[in-house]
Amino acid sequence: MRNVAVLLLLVAIRVSAAPAKPSQTVAPEAVPHSIALFLGTLSNDGGRAVTFKATAVGTRFFFEEPGGVTVYKFERGRYVKEEFLRNFTLTRAVKKFGVR
């Protein structure tokens, strides 16, 4: 009788346990080779953690890192570096270009 009670308890615990949610990721399904190389270099081939913000508005792409924001303009099917705004934040850079 004791074995049956223990067995029922174990079954009840297992049934009541909610399945674990899969972790959410932001990584895309595919990455162009040039982007993979850029991100690898940016993180020193995994040697350092990297934090940045980015947005694309209109024909410009803004890339914020600790030192400032690099602004890219869309030309001939790709984004080309336009200028680096030292000590700017992403919000401030977007406002400077009047696109938001």
Protein backbone atom coordinates (compact mmCIF):
# COMPACT_ATOMS: atom_id res chain seq x y z
CA MET A 1 0.00 0.00 0.00
CA ARG A 2 2.84 2.38 0.83
CA ASN A 3 4.46 1.69 -2.57
CA VAL A 4 1.21 2.51 -4.35
CA ALA A 5 0.91 5.81 -2.46
CA VAL A 6 4.49 6.78 -3.34
CA LEU A 7 3.89 5.82 -6.98
CA LEU A 8 0.69 7.91 -7.13
CA LEU A 9 2.49 10.86 -5.56
CA LEU A 10 5.30 10.67 -8.13
CA VAL A 11 2.81 10.44 -11.01
CA ALA A 12 0.84 13.41 -9.66
CA ILE A 13 4.00 15.50 -9.36
CA ARG A 14 5.09 14.65 -12.88
CA VAL A 15 1.67 15.37 -14.39
CA SER A 16 1.28 18.68 -12.56
CA ALA A 17 4.71 19.97 -13.57
CA ALA A 18 4.32 22.40 -16.47
CA PRO A 19 6.55 21.75 -19.45
CA ALA A 20 9.49 24.12 -19.69
CA LYS A 21 9.09 26.94 -22.19
CA PRO A 22 11.68 26.99 -24.93
CA SER A 23 14.07 29.93 -24.55
CA GLN A 24 13.35 32.96 -26.72
CA THR A 25 16.10 33.96 -29.11
CA VAL A 26 16.58 36.99 -31.31
CA ALA A 27 19.04 35.38 -33.69
CA PRO A 28 17.78 35.24 -37.30
CA GLU A 29 17.37 32.00 -39.24
CA ALA A 30 20.08 33.07 -41.70
CA VAL A 31 22.93 35.60 -41.61
CA PRO A 32 24.86 36.90 -44.64
CA HIS A 33 28.56 36.02 -44.59
CA SER A 34 29.65 39.66 -44.36
CA ILE A 35 27.45 40.21 -41.29
CA ALA A 36 28.80 37.07 -39.63
CA LEU A 37 32.37 38.27 -40.18
CA PHE A 38 31.50 41.73 -38.85
CA LEU A 39 29.89 40.35 -35.68
CA GLY A 40 32.80 37.95 -35.14
CA THR A 41 35.28 40.80 -35.40
CA LEU A 42 33.15 43.05 -33.22
CA SER A 43 33.16 40.46 -30.44
CA ASN A 44 36.86 39.69 -30.90
CA ASP A 45 35.96 36.17 -32.06
CA GLY A 46 33.94 35.57 -28.90
CA GLY A 47 36.56 37.06 -26.58
CA ARG A 48 34.39 39.92 -25.37
CA ALA A 49 30.71 40.61 -24.86
CA VAL A 50 29.25 43.18 -27.23
CA THR A 51 26.36 45.55 -26.60
CA PHE A 52 24.94 47.79 -29.28
CA LYS A 53 21.71 49.29 -30.54
CA ALA A 54 20.66 49.75 -34.15
CA THR A 55 17.75 51.01 -36.19
CA ALA A 56 16.94 51.65 -39.81
CA VAL A 57 14.75 54.62 -40.68
CA GLY A 58 14.01 55.69 -44.21
CA THR A 59 17.20 55.32 -46.22
CA ARG A 60 19.54 55.40 -43.21
CA PHE A 61 20.84 52.76 -40.83
CA PHE A 62 22.07 53.85 -37.38
CA PHE A 63 24.50 51.71 -35.38
CA GLU A 64 25.13 52.77 -31.76
CA GLU A 65 28.06 51.52 -29.75
CA PRO A 66 29.69 52.91 -26.57
CA GLY A 67 31.69 55.60 -28.44
CA GLY A 68 28.89 57.01 -30.55
CA VAL A 69 26.72 56.27 -33.57
CA THR A 70 27.77 55.33 -37.09
CA VAL A 71 25.30 56.48 -39.74
CA TYR A 72 24.93 54.57 -43.01
CA LYS A 73 23.02 55.72 -46.11
CA PHE A 74 21.35 53.30 -48.51
CA GLU A 75 22.96 53.55 -51.94
CA ARG A 76 22.91 51.12 -54.88
CA GLY A 77 21.36 48.31 -52.88
CA ARG A 78 23.54 48.51 -49.76
CA TYR A 79 24.22 50.71 -46.74
CA VAL A 80 27.38 52.82 -47.06
CA LYS A 81 29.04 54.57 -44.11
CA GLU A 82 28.12 58.24 -44.12
CA GLU A 83 29.61 59.52 -40.86
CA PHE A 84 30.45 58.71 -37.25
CA LEU A 85 28.81 60.86 -34.57
CA ARG A 86 31.10 60.71 -31.54
CA ASN A 87 29.33 60.62 -28.14
CA PHE A 88 25.86 60.56 -29.75
CA THR A 89 23.07 58.24 -28.66
CA LEU A 90 20.87 56.42 -31.15
CA THR A 91 17.91 58.70 -30.38
CA ARG A 92 19.98 61.86 -30.77
CA ALA A 93 21.49 60.67 -34.09
CA VAL A 94 18.08 59.83 -35.54
CA LYS A 95 16.78 63.27 -34.50
CA LYS A 96 19.83 64.98 -36.05
CA PHE A 97 18.92 63.52 -39.43
CA GLY A 98 15.28 64.51 -38.97
CA VAL A 99 13.94 61.09 -39.76
CA ARG A 100 11.91 60.74 -36.55
